[in-house]
Protein backbone atom coordinates (compact mmCIF):
# COMPACT_ATOMS: atom_id res chain seq x y z
CA MET A 1 91.11 115.17 81.40
CA LYS A 2 87.77 115.30 83.00
CA PRO A 3 87.71 116.15 86.70
CA ILE A 4 87.15 113.85 89.36
CA GLY A 5 83.43 113.82 90.26
CA LEU A 6 83.58 112.60 93.73
CA VAL A 7 86.33 113.68 96.15
CA PRO A 8 86.12 112.16 99.72
CA GLU A 9 87.58 114.58 102.67
CA PHE A 10 88.89 112.70 105.62
CA LEU A 11 89.25 114.50 108.91
CA VAL A 12 92.38 112.94 110.74
CA THR A 13 93.87 113.41 114.21
CA ASP A 14 97.45 113.83 113.18
CA LEU A 15 97.98 114.99 109.18
CA LYS A 16 101.82 113.97 109.57
CA LYS A 17 101.03 110.47 110.53
CA SER A 18 98.11 110.27 107.57
CA LEU A 19 100.91 111.49 105.10
CA ASN A 20 103.40 108.90 106.04
CA PHE A 21 100.93 106.56 105.73
CA TYR A 22 99.13 107.58 102.16
CA VAL A 23 102.40 109.05 100.77
CA GLY A 24 105.28 107.09 102.09
CA LEU A 25 103.60 103.78 102.25
CA LEU A 26 100.59 103.73 99.81
CA GLY A 27 102.46 106.12 97.09
CA PHE A 28 99.69 108.83 96.71
CA THR A 29 101.27 112.32 95.65
CA VAL A 30 100.67 115.59 97.24
CA LEU A 31 98.80 117.79 94.64
CA TYR A 32 99.09 120.74 96.82
CA SER A 33 98.73 121.65 100.41
CA ARG A 34 97.59 124.59 102.65
CA GLU A 35 98.94 126.34 106.04
CA GLU A 36 96.03 125.01 107.64
CA LYS A 37 97.10 121.17 107.92
CA PHE A 38 95.17 120.27 104.42
CA VAL A 39 96.68 118.25 101.70
CA TYR A 40 95.05 116.84 98.38
CA ILE A 41 96.64 113.94 97.28
CA LYS A 42 96.17 111.62 94.29
CA LYS A 43 97.14 107.91 93.56
CA ASP A 44 96.64 106.57 89.89
CA ASN A 45 92.91 107.99 89.06
CA ALA A 46 91.67 108.37 92.85
CA GLU A 47 92.12 111.77 95.04
CA ILE A 48 91.31 112.38 98.47
CA MET A 49 91.70 115.51 100.96
CA LEU A 50 92.98 115.25 104.46
CA GLU A 51 92.51 117.75 106.92
CA GLN A 52 93.57 118.05 110.46
CA ILE A 53 90.84 117.85 112.97
CA GLY A 54 90.63 121.04 114.97
CA ILE A 55 92.03 123.32 112.32
CA GLY A 56 90.61 125.41 109.64
CA ARG A 57 86.63 124.62 108.83
CA ASN A 58 85.61 121.17 109.72
CA TRP A 59 82.31 119.92 109.10
CA VAL A 60 81.44 117.77 112.02
CA THR A 61 77.95 116.32 112.59
CA LYS A 62 78.71 114.32 115.73
CA ASP A 63 81.40 113.49 118.30
CA LEU A 64 84.48 111.58 116.27
CA GLU A 65 85.64 108.45 117.50
CA TYR A 66 87.77 105.91 116.58
CA PRO A 67 87.55 104.26 113.88
CA LEU A 68 86.46 107.00 111.83
CA GLY A 69 84.39 106.56 108.65
CA ARG A 70 82.59 103.10 110.41
CA GLY A 71 80.10 102.15 107.83
CA THR A 72 81.92 103.08 104.78
CA ASN A 73 84.75 101.69 102.83
CA PHE A 74 86.26 103.56 100.15
CA GLN A 75 87.06 101.68 97.11
CA ILE A 76 90.25 102.48 95.15
CA GLU A 77 91.40 101.21 91.99
CA VAL A 78 95.15 100.71 91.73
CA GLU A 79 97.69 99.66 88.96
CA ASP A 80 99.37 97.14 91.27
CA VAL A 81 97.23 95.80 93.94
CA ASP A 82 99.42 93.00 94.82
CA LEU A 83 102.60 95.26 95.28
CA LEU A 84 100.58 97.64 97.45
CA HIS A 85 99.48 94.71 99.71
CA LYS A 86 103.20 93.36 99.69
CA ILE A 87 104.55 96.89 100.84
CA LEU A 88 101.91 96.96 103.54
CA SER A 89 102.58 93.97 104.93
CA LYS A 90 106.19 94.07 104.90
CA ASN A 91 105.70 97.00 106.99
CA SER A 92 103.66 95.31 109.60
CA ILE A 93 100.31 97.37 108.48
CA PRO A 94 97.21 94.94 109.91
CA ILE A 95 95.29 94.02 106.84
CA PHE A 96 91.58 94.16 107.69
CA LEU A 97 90.57 92.15 104.38
CA GLN A 98 93.38 89.46 103.08
CA MET A 99 93.56 89.60 99.54
CA GLU A 100 90.99 87.76 97.34
CA GLU A 101 89.35 87.65 94.20
CA LYS A 102 85.73 88.18 94.38
CA TRP A 103 83.18 88.34 91.85
CA TYR A 104 79.81 90.50 91.67
CA ARG A 105 76.68 90.05 90.26
CA LYS A 106 75.79 92.92 87.84
CA ASN A 107 72.72 91.72 86.15
CA ASN A 108 73.55 88.91 83.73
CA LEU A 109 77.11 89.51 84.34
CA GLU A 110 79.78 89.16 87.22
CA VAL A 111 82.56 91.87 87.41
CA GLY A 112 85.64 90.52 89.32
CA ASN A 113 88.11 92.46 91.31
CA ARG A 114 91.33 91.25 93.27
CA GLN A 115 91.03 93.01 96.18
CA PHE A 116 92.19 93.77 99.74
CA CYS A 117 91.04 95.73 102.62
CA VAL A 118 93.17 98.27 105.36
CA GLN A 119 92.46 100.66 107.98
CA ASP A 120 94.39 104.16 107.67
CA PRO A 121 95.78 105.71 110.75
CA ASP A 122 92.18 106.81 111.87
CA GLY A 123 90.55 103.90 110.83
CA TYR A 124 89.11 104.59 107.47
CA LEU A 125 88.39 101.61 105.56
CA LEU A 126 90.18 101.57 102.42
CA ARG A 127 89.51 98.81 99.94
CA PHE A 128 92.32 98.69 97.19
CA TYR A 129 91.65 96.54 94.23
CA LYS A 130 92.56 95.43 90.66
CA ASP A 131 89.82 95.03 87.67
CA LEU A 132 89.45 91.45 86.60
CA GLY A 133 87.01 92.05 83.89
CA GLU A 134 83.55 90.78 83.69
CA LYS A 135 81.97 87.39 82.70
CA ASN A 136 78.53 85.69 81.89
CA VAL A 137 76.87 84.59 84.66
CA GLN A 138 76.75 80.96 83.43
CA ASP A 139 80.69 80.76 83.22
CA SER A 140 80.89 81.28 86.79
């Protein structure tokens, strides 16, 4: 299998709380962990590193304030976006952007996503989606 080309590392305030969210609710799997409160997780074809702030080697360029990751959303393709949305809603997790079908222009095509956004416990914005394929612009 080809390695992932980009793996974000999220600094988190409480690794246990983050693991409850990512593993317990979202269904990520822990691939490995290290004693300095670091875990490497995976769901479908997405991989993320989580590291607790203040332990180990954190690369911080400015003061960290909630919500972390401001100005960025992490688009994550999943096999069953509706099930994931249902699980989060059932557990009273606030949805930042409700489920939608959105078509984006790509040259003479439109590519579609069924998607929603949720913030993790530290405020990182996650956009989960299912690919709806593509269509010609005139078909829309």
